[in-house]
Amino acid sequence: MLELEYPRDLVMIGAIFGIACFVWAGWAQAGPPGQWWWRVVLGVLGLAGLVLAAVSIPMAINHWNMPTALRSGTTALLVYIIVFWVEMILAGLLVFLAVRAERTDLIAPLVLVVVGIHFLALAPVFGQPVLYLAGALLSAAAIIAVLLPESSIESSFWCGILGAPIFLGVGIWTATAAGRAFVHA
């Protein structure tokens, strides 16, 4: 599920997923269930994401000169740029439409499903099947968040409590694999 040809890309996935874990755990704090321990769980997830990023970012910097799937002038880089901008524009448009329709409860699930789908598009760009797994799980988390019965619990909570561990788990997996590859390089 992990291709080790470009460990620099793997460690960057770990760094980005660590930051994403922190962000989604933080967004989930907007409307968790009333029990205090949910905030603790979300805080621990957020802190774990920051630790992952803090470990992965220096590792990426130290190995920045290693090969990457996103070489200058390649189709992979062009597709990456296009997918990134389509993701940003689509997420922004969906947020705008949700606000305009007075359905702000859908903002987090819409953003999370766009993020998930964009990983499906990036999996072949990076040659990393693990991004298919991440994309499918994140998209499923967004769908689950929408399908849960309405209550006082915000959909952003469900997106965060389901999405943050996915980001954390996949991020740890990729960063650990990169670290092992760096040692053996």
Protein backbone atom coordinates (compact mmCIF):
# COMPACT_ATOMS: atom_id res chain seq x y z
CA MET A 1 0.00 0.00 0.00
CA LEU A 2 3.07 2.25 0.32
CA GLU A 3 5.52 2.74 -2.51
CA LEU A 4 8.97 3.62 -1.16
CA GLU A 5 10.43 5.04 -4.40
CA TYR A 6 9.96 8.62 -3.16
CA PRO A 7 10.36 8.73 0.63
CA ARG A 8 10.45 12.53 0.53
CA ASP A 9 6.86 12.47 -0.74
CA LEU A 10 5.88 10.05 2.04
CA VAL A 11 7.28 12.27 4.77
CA MET A 12 5.53 15.30 3.24
CA ILE A 13 2.26 13.34 3.30
CA GLY A 14 2.97 12.69 6.99
CA ALA A 15 3.60 16.40 7.64
CA ILE A 16 0.52 17.55 5.75
CA PHE A 17 -1.67 14.90 7.36
CA GLY A 18 -0.36 15.92 10.80
CA ILE A 19 -1.44 19.49 10.16
CA ALA A 20 -4.78 18.27 8.77
CA CYS A 21 -5.33 16.17 11.91
CA PHE A 22 -4.74 19.26 14.05
CA VAL A 23 -7.10 21.39 11.93
CA TRP A 24 -9.95 18.86 11.83
CA ALA A 25 -9.67 18.09 15.56
CA GLY A 26 -9.82 21.84 16.18
CA TRP A 27 -12.83 22.33 13.91
CA ALA A 28 -14.59 19.51 15.78
CA GLN A 29 -14.28 21.59 18.97
CA ALA A 30 -16.98 23.90 17.56
CA GLY A 31 -19.82 21.62 18.60
CA PRO A 32 -18.92 18.40 20.42
CA PRO A 33 -21.27 16.46 22.71
CA GLY A 34 -21.67 17.92 26.19
CA GLN A 35 -19.34 15.54 28.02
CA TRP A 36 -16.00 17.16 28.88
CA TRP A 37 -13.97 14.16 27.79
CA TRP A 38 -14.82 14.73 24.12
CA ARG A 39 -12.83 17.96 24.28
CA VAL A 40 -9.94 16.03 25.84
CA VAL A 41 -10.07 13.42 23.05
CA LEU A 42 -10.09 16.17 20.43
CA GLY A 43 -7.25 17.98 22.22
CA VAL A 44 -5.16 14.81 22.27
CA LEU A 45 -5.84 14.24 18.57
CA GLY A 46 -4.87 17.84 17.79
CA LEU A 47 -1.69 17.58 19.84
CA ALA A 48 -0.79 14.27 18.19
CA GLY A 49 -1.23 15.91 14.78
CA LEU A 50 1.09 18.74 15.80
CA VAL A 51 3.69 16.25 17.05
CA LEU A 52 3.49 14.37 13.74
CA ALA A 53 3.98 17.63 11.82
CA ALA A 54 6.80 18.72 14.14
CA VAL A 55 8.65 15.46 13.51
CA SER A 56 7.87 15.21 9.78
CA ILE A 57 8.62 18.77 8.67
CA PRO A 58 12.29 18.79 9.76
CA MET A 59 12.70 15.30 8.28
CA ALA A 60 11.32 16.60 4.98
CA ILE A 61 13.61 19.64 5.08
CA ASN A 62 16.65 17.45 5.76
CA HIS A 63 15.81 15.24 2.77
CA TRP A 64 14.49 17.90 0.41
CA ASN A 65 17.08 17.13 -2.27
CA MET A 66 15.85 13.54 -2.64
CA PRO A 67 13.78 12.60 -5.70
CA THR A 68 10.05 13.37 -5.79
CA ALA A 69 7.17 12.37 -8.02
CA LEU A 70 6.56 16.11 -8.56
CA ARG A 71 9.56 16.90 -10.72
CA SER A 72 9.62 20.18 -12.58
CA GLY A 73 8.19 19.97 -16.09
CA THR A 74 6.40 16.65 -15.55
CA THR A 75 2.77 15.76 -16.10
CA ALA A 76 2.61 14.72 -12.43
CA LEU A 77 3.41 18.25 -11.29
CA LEU A 78 0.90 19.77 -13.70
CA VAL A 79 -1.85 17.39 -12.57
CA TYR A 80 -0.99 18.09 -8.91
CA ILE A 81 -1.34 21.85 -9.47
CA ILE A 82 -4.64 21.42 -11.33
CA VAL A 83 -6.08 19.08 -8.68
CA PHE A 84 -5.01 21.46 -5.91
CA TRP A 85 -6.71 24.46 -7.51
CA VAL A 86 -9.84 22.52 -8.45
CA GLU A 87 -10.04 21.40 -4.80
CA MET A 88 -9.69 24.98 -3.50
CA ILE A 89 -12.21 26.45 -5.95
CA LEU A 90 -14.72 23.64 -5.47
CA ALA A 91 -14.49 23.77 -1.67
CA GLY A 92 -14.90 27.55 -1.73
CA LEU A 93 -17.87 27.34 -4.07
CA LEU A 94 -19.57 24.66 -1.97
CA VAL A 95 -19.04 26.68 1.21
CA PHE A 96 -20.51 29.74 -0.50
CA LEU A 97 -23.53 27.76 -1.70
CA ALA A 98 -24.07 26.18 1.74
CA VAL A 99 -23.98 29.59 3.42
CA ARG A 100 -26.28 31.07 0.81
CA ALA A 101 -28.74 28.19 1.28
CA GLU A 102 -28.51 28.68 5.06
CA ARG A 103 -27.13 25.14 5.42
CA THR A 104 -23.95 25.93 7.30
CA ASP A 105 -24.30 22.50 8.94
CA LEU A 106 -23.09 21.07 5.62
CA ILE A 107 -19.88 23.10 5.38
CA ALA A 108 -17.58 20.67 7.20
CA PRO A 109 -18.88 17.54 5.43
CA LEU A 110 -18.70 19.24 2.04
CA VAL A 111 -15.12 20.35 2.63
CA LEU A 112 -14.13 16.92 3.95
CA VAL A 113 -15.61 15.08 0.97
CA VAL A 114 -13.78 17.42 -1.43
CA VAL A 115 -10.55 16.76 0.48
CA GLY A 116 -11.19 13.02 0.31
CA ILE A 117 -11.94 13.05 -3.40
CA HIS A 118 -8.85 15.12 -4.13
CA PHE A 119 -6.71 12.39 -2.51
CA LEU A 120 -8.29 9.87 -4.89
CA ALA A 121 -7.12 12.06 -7.76
CA LEU A 122 -3.63 12.49 -6.27
CA ALA A 123 -2.99 8.79 -5.59
CA PRO A 124 -1.82 8.08 -9.17
CA VAL A 125 0.10 11.36 -9.32
CA PHE A 126 2.26 10.29 -6.38
CA GLY A 127 2.02 6.57 -7.16
CA GLN A 128 0.81 6.06 -3.58
CA PRO A 129 -2.11 3.63 -3.19
CA VAL A 130 -2.41 4.72 0.46
CA LEU A 131 -3.96 7.94 -0.82
CA TYR A 132 -6.83 5.90 -2.27
CA LEU A 133 -7.42 4.51 1.22
CA ALA A 134 -7.23 7.96 2.84
CA GLY A 135 -9.52 9.48 0.20
CA ALA A 136 -12.12 6.73 0.54
CA LEU A 137 -12.11 6.83 4.35
CA LEU A 138 -12.32 10.64 4.51
CA SER A 139 -15.14 10.71 1.96
CA ALA A 140 -16.97 8.03 3.95
CA ALA A 141 -16.50 10.07 7.14
CA ALA A 142 -18.08 13.09 5.45
CA ILE A 143 -21.03 11.03 4.25
CA ILE A 144 -21.52 9.51 7.71
CA ALA A 145 -21.48 12.98 9.26
CA VAL A 146 -24.34 14.04 6.98
CA LEU A 147 -26.35 10.85 7.48
CA LEU A 148 -26.28 10.91 11.28
CA PRO A 149 -29.54 12.08 12.83
CA GLU A 150 -29.75 15.80 13.51
CA SER A 151 -28.99 16.78 17.09
CA SER A 152 -27.22 19.44 19.06
CA ILE A 153 -23.93 17.88 17.96
CA GLU A 154 -22.45 19.79 15.03
CA SER A 155 -21.56 17.93 11.83
CA SER A 156 -18.11 19.49 12.16
CA PHE A 157 -17.67 17.39 15.30
CA TRP A 158 -18.42 14.20 13.41
CA CYS A 159 -16.12 15.19 10.55
CA GLY A 160 -13.33 15.97 13.00
CA ILE A 161 -13.73 12.99 15.30
CA LEU A 162 -13.84 10.65 12.29
CA GLY A 163 -11.42 12.49 10.00
CA ALA A 164 -8.64 13.45 12.41
CA PRO A 165 -7.74 9.84 13.31
CA ILE A 166 -7.66 8.95 9.61
CA PHE A 167 -5.24 11.78 8.92
CA LEU A 168 -3.19 10.83 11.98
CA GLY A 169 -3.04 7.11 11.22
CA VAL A 170 -2.13 7.49 7.56
CA GLY A 171 0.29 10.31 8.39
CA ILE A 172 2.13 8.23 10.99
CA TRP A 173 2.21 5.30 8.58
CA THR A 174 3.74 7.34 5.74
CA ALA A 175 6.17 9.31 7.92
CA THR A 176 7.38 6.12 9.63
CA ALA A 177 7.92 4.41 6.28
CA ALA A 178 9.82 7.46 5.05
CA GLY A 179 12.00 7.48 8.16
CA ARG A 180 12.89 3.82 7.61
CA ALA A 181 13.65 4.50 3.94
CA PHE A 182 15.89 7.45 4.85
CA VAL A 183 17.87 5.24 7.24
CA HIS A 184 18.37 2.63 4.54
CA ALA A 185 19.21 5.15 1.80
